Structure formats: C-alpha cells, structure tokens
Amino acid sequence: MQYGSNGVRANCICPGGVDTPMTGGAFATEESRARARRAIPLGRYAQAEDIAEVAVWLLSDASRYVTGQTIPVEGGALVT
C-alpha cells in the first residue's frame, strides 16, 4: 500500500501500571492485587503483552488512518 507524501504517523501509547521484572514484583502480592481490583476497572495490572498488542496494532495496516493520538492502555484507571 502506498501513502504518498503524507505517510508519516505519530502516536503515543500511555501505559498504566505494568507487571514486569523491572517493577520488582510490586504487583505480585495479594494486597496489590486487591488494590488493582478496587482502583482499576478491569481489575488487574497490565502485562507487557497488553501494551505490546496496542503497539502491534499501531504498526499494522489496521491503524493506517490513525495519527496524532495518545492511546491510554491502563485498564480504565484514571491517574491524577
């Protein structure tokens, strides 16, 4: 598929809390899981795959008309 001279797209993924080795298991305790159930509408912290799936979608032709967007991937939680 060709896009012409305006083919550059720029989007931003804004993840919420993600359970990764870098977080040092901060989301592994029963207390943290209970906090997620209370604070996050989807009831859990993200896994790296949850964020990666959005990046894959943005890189695919399925998002070819999406640009200039900030996409929150935070399970519905609003961080203020």
PDB file of N, CA and C in Angstrom:
ATOM      1  N   MET A   1       0.840  -1.174   0.000  1.00  0.00           N
ATOM      2  CA  MET A   1       0.000   0.000   0.000  1.00  0.00           C
ATOM      3  C   MET A   1       0.889   1.243   0.000  1.00  0.00           C
ATOM      4  N   GLN A   2       0.541   2.228  -0.818  1.00  0.00           N
ATOM      5  CA  GLN A   2       1.301   3.473  -0.861  1.00  0.00           C
ATOM      6  C   GLN A   2       0.496   4.584  -0.204  1.00  0.00           C
ATOM      7  N   TYR A   3       1.204   5.454   0.514  1.00  0.00           N
ATOM      8  CA  TYR A   3       0.540   6.523   1.258  1.00  0.00           C
ATOM      9  C   TYR A   3       0.820   7.914   0.709  1.00  0.00           C
ATOM     10  N   GLY A   4       1.694   8.051  -0.238  1.00  0.00           N
ATOM     11  CA  GLY A   4       2.006   9.374  -0.759  1.00  0.00           C
ATOM     12  C   GLY A   4       2.934  10.123   0.176  1.00  0.00           C
ATOM     13  N   SER A   5       3.011  11.445   0.008  1.00  0.00           N
ATOM     14  CA  SER A   5       3.977  12.246   0.763  1.00  0.00           C
ATOM     15  C   SER A   5       3.550  12.506   2.201  1.00  0.00           C
ATOM     16  N   ASN A   6       2.307  12.242   2.579  1.00  0.00           N
ATOM     17  CA  ASN A   6       1.855  12.490   3.946  1.00  0.00           C
ATOM     18  C   ASN A   6       1.751  11.201   4.757  1.00  0.00           C
ATOM     19  N   GLY A   7       2.640  10.243   4.522  1.00  0.00           N
ATOM     20  CA  GLY A   7       2.546   8.933   5.141  1.00  0.00           C
ATOM     21  C   GLY A   7       3.119   8.825   6.538  1.00  0.00           C
ATOM     22  N   VAL A   8       3.625   9.903   7.105  1.00  0.00           N
ATOM     23  CA  VAL A   8       4.196   9.820   8.444  1.00  0.00           C
ATOM     24  C   VAL A   8       3.086   9.888   9.485  1.00  0.00           C
ATOM     25  N   ARG A   9       3.109   8.939  10.415  1.00  0.00           N
ATOM     26  CA  ARG A   9       2.132   8.946  11.503  1.00  0.00           C
ATOM     27  C   ARG A   9       2.882   9.004  12.826  1.00  0.00           C
ATOM     28  N   ALA A  10       2.321   9.690  13.795  1.00  0.00           N
ATOM     29  CA  ALA A  10       2.915   9.768  15.131  1.00  0.00           C
ATOM     30  C   ALA A  10       1.816   9.564  16.158  1.00  0.00           C
ATOM     31  N   ASN A  11       1.976   8.543  16.983  1.00  0.00           N
ATOM     32  CA  ASN A  11       1.013   8.230  18.025  1.00  0.00           C
ATOM     33  C   ASN A  11       1.777   7.923  19.307  1.00  0.00           C
ATOM     34  N   CYS A  12       1.077   7.947  20.423  1.00  0.00           N
ATOM     35  CA  CYS A  12       1.693   7.730  21.718  1.00  0.00           C
ATOM     36  C   CYS A  12       0.891   6.707  22.507  1.00  0.00           C
ATOM     37  N   ILE A  13       1.576   5.735  23.087  1.00  0.00           N
ATOM     38  CA  ILE A  13       0.943   4.768  23.982  1.00  0.00           C
ATOM     39  C   ILE A  13       1.291   5.178  25.406  1.00  0.00           C
ATOM     40  N   CYS A  14       0.279   5.353  26.250  1.00  0.00           N
ATOM     41  CA  CYS A  14       0.482   5.716  27.657  1.00  0.00           C
ATOM     42  C   CYS A  14       0.025   4.561  28.540  1.00  0.00           C
ATOM     43  N   PRO A  15       0.966   3.723  28.965  1.00  0.00           N
ATOM     44  CA  PRO A  15       0.572   2.583  29.790  1.00  0.00           C
ATOM     45  C   PRO A  15       0.335   2.975  31.236  1.00  0.00           C
ATOM     46  N   GLY A  16      -0.529   2.221  31.889  1.00  0.00           N
ATOM     47  CA  GLY A  16      -0.694   2.350  33.331  1.00  0.00           C
ATOM     48  C   GLY A  16       0.317   1.434  34.005  1.00  0.00           C
ATOM     49  N   GLY A  17      -0.028   0.925  35.179  1.00  0.00           N
ATOM     50  CA  GLY A  17       0.866   0.008  35.879  1.00  0.00           C
ATOM     51  C   GLY A  17       1.020  -1.289  35.114  1.00  0.00           C
ATOM     52  N   VAL A  18       2.272  -1.690  34.901  1.00  0.00           N
ATOM     53  CA  VAL A  18       2.561  -2.906  34.140  1.00  0.00           C
ATOM     54  C   VAL A  18       3.408  -3.832  35.010  1.00  0.00           C
ATOM     55  N   ASP A  19       2.985  -5.071  35.113  1.00  0.00           N
ATOM     56  CA  ASP A  19       3.711  -6.073  35.886  1.00  0.00           C
ATOM     57  C   ASP A  19       4.852  -6.615  35.036  1.00  0.00           C
ATOM     58  N   THR A  20       6.057  -6.143  35.302  1.00  0.00           N
ATOM     59  CA  THR A  20       7.251  -6.577  34.574  1.00  0.00           C
ATOM     60  C   THR A  20       8.365  -6.860  35.580  1.00  0.00           C
ATOM     61  N   PRO A  21       9.449  -7.504  35.164  1.00  0.00           N
ATOM     62  CA  PRO A  21      10.581  -7.702  36.080  1.00  0.00           C
ATOM     63  C   PRO A  21      11.118  -6.369  36.627  1.00  0.00           C
ATOM     64  N   MET A  22      11.005  -5.304  35.850  1.00  0.00           N
ATOM     65  CA  MET A  22      11.517  -4.013  36.305  1.00  0.00           C
ATOM     66  C   MET A  22      10.741  -3.478  37.519  1.00  0.00           C
ATOM     67  N   THR A  23       9.480  -3.854  37.654  1.00  0.00           N
ATOM     68  CA  THR A  23       8.705  -3.379  38.804  1.00  0.00           C
ATOM     69  C   THR A  23       9.019  -4.181  40.062  1.00  0.00           C
ATOM     70  N   GLY A  24       9.876  -5.168  39.956  1.00  0.00           N
ATOM     71  CA  GLY A  24      10.341  -5.908  41.120  1.00  0.00           C
ATOM     72  C   GLY A  24       9.261  -6.685  41.855  1.00  0.00           C
ATOM     73  N   GLY A  25       8.257  -7.125  41.139  1.00  0.00           N
ATOM     74  CA  GLY A  25       7.196  -7.891  41.783  1.00  0.00           C
ATOM     75  C   GLY A  25       6.229  -7.045  42.594  1.00  0.00           C
ATOM     76  N   ALA A  26       6.231  -5.738  42.362  1.00  0.00           N
ATOM     77  CA  ALA A  26       5.365  -4.832  43.124  1.00  0.00           C
ATOM     78  C   ALA A  26       3.889  -5.170  42.975  1.00  0.00           C
ATOM     79  N   PHE A  27       3.544  -5.882  41.927  1.00  0.00           N
ATOM     80  CA  PHE A  27       2.145  -6.221  41.679  1.00  0.00           C
ATOM     81  C   PHE A  27       1.853  -7.688  41.991  1.00  0.00           C
ATOM     82  N   ALA A  28       2.738  -8.361  42.724  1.00  0.00           N
ATOM     83  CA  ALA A  28       2.608  -9.796  42.943  1.00  0.00           C
ATOM     84  C   ALA A  28       1.959 -10.172  44.275  1.00  0.00           C
ATOM     85  N   THR A  29       1.794  -9.224  45.164  1.00  0.00           N
ATOM     86  CA  THR A  29       1.233  -9.558  46.474  1.00  0.00           C
ATOM     87  C   THR A  29      -0.293  -9.537  46.436  1.00  0.00           C
ATOM     88  N   GLU A  30      -0.898 -10.208  47.388  1.00  0.00           N
ATOM     89  CA  GLU A  30      -2.359 -10.192  47.479  1.00  0.00           C
ATOM     90  C   GLU A  30      -2.869  -8.771  47.731  1.00  0.00           C
ATOM     91  N   GLU A  31      -2.121  -8.007  48.512  1.00  0.00           N
ATOM     92  CA  GLU A  31      -2.511  -6.614  48.777  1.00  0.00           C
ATOM     93  C   GLU A  31      -2.536  -5.799  47.485  1.00  0.00           C
ATOM     94  N   SER A  32      -1.536  -5.974  46.643  1.00  0.00           N
ATOM     95  CA  SER A  32      -1.502  -5.215  45.389  1.00  0.00           C
ATOM     96  C   SER A  32      -2.596  -5.672  44.433  1.00  0.00           C
ATOM     97  N   ARG A  33      -2.893  -6.961  44.425  1.00  0.00           N
ATOM     98  CA  ARG A  33      -3.984  -7.449  43.573  1.00  0.00           C
ATOM     99  C   ARG A  33      -5.324  -6.895  44.054  1.00  0.00           C
ATOM    100  N   ALA A  34      -5.502  -6.812  45.361  1.00  0.00           N
ATOM    101  CA  ALA A  34      -6.732  -6.230  45.916  1.00  0.00           C
ATOM    102  C   ALA A  34      -6.836  -4.756  45.565  1.00  0.00           C
ATOM    103  N   ARG A  35      -5.708  -4.046  45.606  1.00  0.00           N
ATOM    104  CA  ARG A  35      -5.690  -2.629  45.234  1.00  0.00           C
ATOM    105  C   ARG A  35      -6.086  -2.463  43.768  1.00  0.00           C
ATOM    106  N   ALA A  36      -5.593  -3.342  42.904  1.00  0.00           N
ATOM    107  CA  ALA A  36      -5.940  -3.289  41.481  1.00  0.00           C
ATOM    108  C   ALA A  36      -7.428  -3.525  41.282  1.00  0.00           C
ATOM    109  N   ARG A  37      -7.975  -4.507  42.018  1.00  0.00           N
ATOM    110  CA  ARG A  37      -9.407  -4.786  41.883  1.00  0.00           C
ATOM    111  C   ARG A  37     -10.253  -3.577  42.282  1.00  0.00           C
ATOM    112  N   ARG A  38      -9.769  -2.806  43.252  1.00  0.00           N
ATOM    113  CA  ARG A  38     -10.502  -1.604  43.687  1.00  0.00           C
ATOM    114  C   ARG A  38     -10.290  -0.410  42.754  1.00  0.00           C
ATOM    115  N   ALA A  39      -9.081  -0.227  42.261  1.00  0.00           N
ATOM    116  CA  ALA A  39      -8.723   1.007  41.557  1.00  0.00           C
ATOM    117  C   ALA A  39      -8.803   0.923  40.036  1.00  0.00           C
ATOM    118  N   ILE A  40      -8.716  -0.267  39.485  1.00  0.00           N
ATOM    119  CA  ILE A  40      -8.667  -0.424  38.033  1.00  0.00           C
ATOM    120  C   ILE A  40      -9.946  -1.126  37.583  1.00  0.00           C
ATOM    121  N   PRO A  41     -10.736  -0.479  36.740  1.00  0.00           N
ATOM    122  CA  PRO A  41     -11.994  -1.096  36.304  1.00  0.00           C
ATOM    123  C   PRO A  41     -11.847  -2.510  35.748  1.00  0.00           C
ATOM    124  N   LEU A  42     -10.753  -2.819  35.073  1.00  0.00           N
ATOM    125  CA  LEU A  42     -10.564  -4.182  34.575  1.00  0.00           C
ATOM    126  C   LEU A  42     -10.052  -5.127  35.654  1.00  0.00           C
ATOM    127  N   GLY A  43      -9.724  -4.598  36.832  1.00  0.00           N
ATOM    128  CA  GLY A  43      -9.413  -5.422  37.989  1.00  0.00           C
ATOM    129  C   GLY A  43      -8.038  -6.054  38.056  1.00  0.00           C
ATOM    130  N   ARG A  44      -7.086  -5.583  37.257  1.00  0.00           N
ATOM    131  CA  ARG A  44      -5.733  -6.141  37.297  1.00  0.00           C
ATOM    132  C   ARG A  44      -4.751  -5.155  36.695  1.00  0.00           C
ATOM    133  N   TYR A  45      -3.484  -5.351  37.014  1.00  0.00           N
ATOM    134  CA  TYR A  45      -2.429  -4.566  36.374  1.00  0.00           C
ATOM    135  C   TYR A  45      -2.135  -5.183  35.013  1.00  0.00           C
ATOM    136  N   ALA A  46      -1.587  -4.388  34.107  1.00  0.00           N
ATOM    137  CA  ALA A  46      -1.277  -4.869  32.753  1.00  0.00           C
ATOM    138  C   ALA A  46      -0.086  -5.809  32.761  1.00  0.00           C
ATOM    139  N   GLN A  47      -0.068  -6.673  31.779  1.00  0.00           N
ATOM    140  CA  GLN A  47       1.103  -7.473  31.450  1.00  0.00           C
ATOM    141  C   GLN A  47       1.754  -6.792  30.248  1.00  0.00           C
ATOM    142  N   ALA A  48       3.035  -7.037  30.038  1.00  0.00           N
ATOM    143  CA  ALA A  48       3.741  -6.419  28.914  1.00  0.00           C
ATOM    144  C   ALA A  48       3.025  -6.692  27.589  1.00  0.00           C
ATOM    145  N   GLU A  49       2.429  -7.866  27.469  1.00  0.00           N
ATOM    146  CA  GLU A  49       1.730  -8.238  26.238  1.00  0.00           C
ATOM    147  C   GLU A  49       0.542  -7.317  25.963  1.00  0.00           C
ATOM    148  N   ASP A  50      -0.092  -6.807  27.020  1.00  0.00           N
ATOM    149  CA  ASP A  50      -1.226  -5.898  26.836  1.00  0.00           C
ATOM    150  C   ASP A  50      -0.793  -4.618  26.128  1.00  0.00           C
ATOM    151  N   ILE A  51       0.385  -4.128  26.470  1.00  0.00           N
ATOM    152  CA  ILE A  51       0.916  -2.913  25.839  1.00  0.00           C
ATOM    153  C   ILE A  51       1.427  -3.245  24.437  1.00  0.00           C
ATOM    154  N   ALA A  52       2.095  -4.377  24.310  1.00  0.00           N
ATOM    155  CA  ALA A  52       2.648  -4.786  23.015  1.00  0.00           C
ATOM    156  C   ALA A  52       1.562  -4.952  21.964  1.00  0.00           C
ATOM    157  N   GLU A  53       0.405  -5.473  22.356  1.00  0.00           N
ATOM    158  CA  GLU A  53      -0.692  -5.666  21.398  1.00  0.00           C
ATOM    159  C   GLU A  53      -1.128  -4.332  20.789  1.00  0.00           C
ATOM    160  N   VAL A  54      -1.130  -3.274  21.578  1.00  0.00           N
ATOM    161  CA  VAL A  54      -1.501  -1.954  21.060  1.00  0.00           C
ATOM    162  C   VAL A  54      -0.427  -1.466  20.086  1.00  0.00           C
ATOM    163  N   ALA A  55       0.841  -1.675  20.434  1.00  0.00           N
ATOM    164  CA  ALA A  55       1.931  -1.272  19.541  1.00  0.00           C
ATOM    165  C   ALA A  55       1.853  -2.034  18.219  1.00  0.00           C
ATOM    166  N   VAL A  56       1.576  -3.329  18.281  1.00  0.00           N
ATOM    167  CA  VAL A  56       1.443  -4.131  17.059  1.00  0.00           C
ATOM    168  C   VAL A  56       0.304  -3.599  16.204  1.00  0.00           C
ATOM    169  N   TRP A  57      -0.814  -3.263  16.841  1.00  0.00           N
ATOM    170  CA  TRP A  57      -1.943  -2.711  16.095  1.00  0.00           C
ATOM    171  C   TRP A  57      -1.556  -1.397  15.426  1.00  0.00           C
ATOM    172  N   LEU A  58      -0.856  -0.515  16.159  1.00  0.00           N
ATOM    173  CA  LEU A  58      -0.446   0.766  15.568  1.00  0.00           C
ATOM    174  C   LEU A  58       0.510   0.578  14.391  1.00  0.00           C
ATOM    175  N   LEU A  59       1.279  -0.492  14.413  1.00  0.00           N
ATOM    176  CA  LEU A  59       2.212  -0.760  13.316  1.00  0.00           C
ATOM    177  C   LEU A  59       1.553  -1.456  12.130  1.00  0.00           C
ATOM    178  N   SER A  60       0.332  -1.903  12.315  1.00  0.00           N
ATOM    179  CA  SER A  60      -0.346  -2.651  11.252  1.00  0.00           C
ATOM    180  C   SER A  60      -1.153  -1.728  10.343  1.00  0.00           C
ATOM    181  N   ASP A  61      -1.566  -2.270   9.211  1.00  0.00           N
ATOM    182  CA  ASP A  61      -2.422  -1.528   8.292  1.00  0.00           C
ATOM    183  C   ASP A  61      -3.798  -1.249   8.893  1.00  0.00           C
ATOM    184  N   ALA A  62      -4.180  -1.984   9.927  1.00  0.00           N
ATOM    185  CA  ALA A  62      -5.484  -1.764  10.560  1.00  0.00           C
ATOM    186  C   ALA A  62      -5.595  -0.370  11.169  1.00  0.00           C
ATOM    187  N   SER A  63      -4.455   0.255  11.469  1.00  0.00           N
ATOM    188  CA  SER A  63      -4.478   1.596  12.053  1.00  0.00           C
ATOM    189  C   SER A  63      -3.949   2.651  11.074  1.00  0.00           C
ATOM    190  N   ARG A  64      -4.005   2.352   9.802  1.00  0.00           N
ATOM    191  CA  ARG A  64      -3.370   3.211   8.796  1.00  0.00           C
ATOM    192  C   ARG A  64      -3.904   4.641   8.748  1.00  0.00           C
ATOM    193  N   TYR A  65      -5.073   4.896   9.319  1.00  0.00           N
ATOM    194  CA  TYR A  65      -5.633   6.253   9.287  1.00  0.00           C
ATOM    195  C   TYR A  65      -5.646   6.877  10.677  1.00  0.00           C
ATOM    196  N   VAL A  66      -4.838   6.344  11.570  1.00  0.00           N
ATOM    197  CA  VAL A  66      -4.742   6.854  12.933  1.00  0.00           C
ATOM    198  C   VAL A  66      -3.422   7.601  13.067  1.00  0.00           C
ATOM    199  N   THR A  67      -3.486   8.866  13.462  1.00  0.00           N
ATOM    200  CA  THR A  67      -2.275   9.638  13.693  1.00  0.00           C
ATOM    201  C   THR A  67      -2.562  10.759  14.681  1.00  0.00           C
ATOM    202  N   GLY A  68      -1.530  11.158  15.384  1.00  0.00           N
ATOM    203  CA  GLY A  68      -1.658  12.250  16.337  1.00  0.00           C
ATOM    204  C   GLY A  68      -2.459  11.894  17.577  1.00  0.00           C
ATOM    205  N   GLN A  69      -2.500  10.596  17.929  1.00  0.00           N
ATOM    206  CA  GLN A  69      -3.329  10.152  19.048  1.00  0.00           C
ATOM    207  C   GLN A  69      -2.484   9.724  20.242  1.00  0.00           C
ATOM    208  N   THR A  70      -3.013   9.958  21.413  1.00  0.00           N
ATOM    209  CA  THR A  70      -2.462   9.421  22.643  1.00  0.00           C
ATOM    210  C   THR A  70      -3.413   8.330  23.093  1.00  0.00           C
ATOM    211  N   ILE A  71      -2.909   7.107  23.190  1.00  0.00           N
ATOM    212  CA  ILE A  71      -3.753   5.966  23.486  1.00  0.00           C
ATOM    213  C   ILE A  71      -3.437   5.467  24.893  1.00  0.00           C
ATOM    214  N   PRO A  72      -4.345   5.690  25.834  1.00  0.00           N
ATOM    215  CA  PRO A  72      -4.120   5.185  27.182  1.00  0.00           C
ATOM    216  C   PRO A  72      -4.392   3.683  27.235  1.00  0.00           C
ATOM    217  N   VAL A  73      -3.474   2.934  27.814  1.00  0.00           N
ATOM    218  CA  VAL A  73      -3.638   1.489  27.980  1.00  0.00           C
ATOM    219  C   VAL A  73      -3.448   1.233  29.468  1.00  0.00           C
ATOM    220  N   GLU A  74      -4.526   1.450  30.242  1.00  0.00           N
ATOM    221  CA  GLU A  74      -4.438   1.441  31.693  1.00  0.00           C
ATOM    222  C   GLU A  74      -5.617   0.768  32.371  1.00  0.00           C
ATOM    223  N   GLY A  75      -6.325  -0.069  31.626  1.00  0.00           N
ATOM    224  CA  GLY A  75      -7.406  -0.830  32.209  1.00  0.00           C
ATOM    225  C   GLY A  75      -8.593  -0.001  32.679  1.00  0.00           C
ATOM    226  N   GLY A  76      -8.647   1.246  32.231  1.00  0.00           N
ATOM    227  CA  GLY A  76      -9.753   2.113  32.617  1.00  0.00           C
ATOM    228  C   GLY A  76      -9.453   2.975  33.825  1.00  0.00           C
ATOM    229  N   ALA A  77      -8.262   2.829  34.406  1.00  0.00           N
ATOM    230  CA  ALA A  77      -7.893   3.614  35.591  1.00  0.00           C
ATOM    231  C   ALA A  77      -7.498   5.019  35.163  1.00  0.00           C
ATOM    232  N   LEU A  78      -7.901   5.989  35.943  1.00  0.00           N
ATOM    233  CA  LEU A  78      -7.530   7.380  35.689  1.00  0.00           C
ATOM    234  C   LEU A  78      -6.523   7.786  36.749  1.00  0.00           C
ATOM    235  N   VAL A  79      -5.306   8.084  36.317  1.00  0.00           N
ATOM    236  CA  VAL A  79      -4.267   8.509  37.241  1.00  0.00           C
ATOM    237  C   VAL A  79      -4.231  10.027  37.244  1.00  0.00           C
ATOM    238  N   THR A  80      -4.386  10.607  38.414  1.00  0.00           N
ATOM    239  CA  THR A  80      -4.364  12.077  38.505  1.00  0.00           C
ATOM    240  C   THR A  80      -3.245  12.549  39.381  1.00  0.00           C
TER     241      THR A  80
END
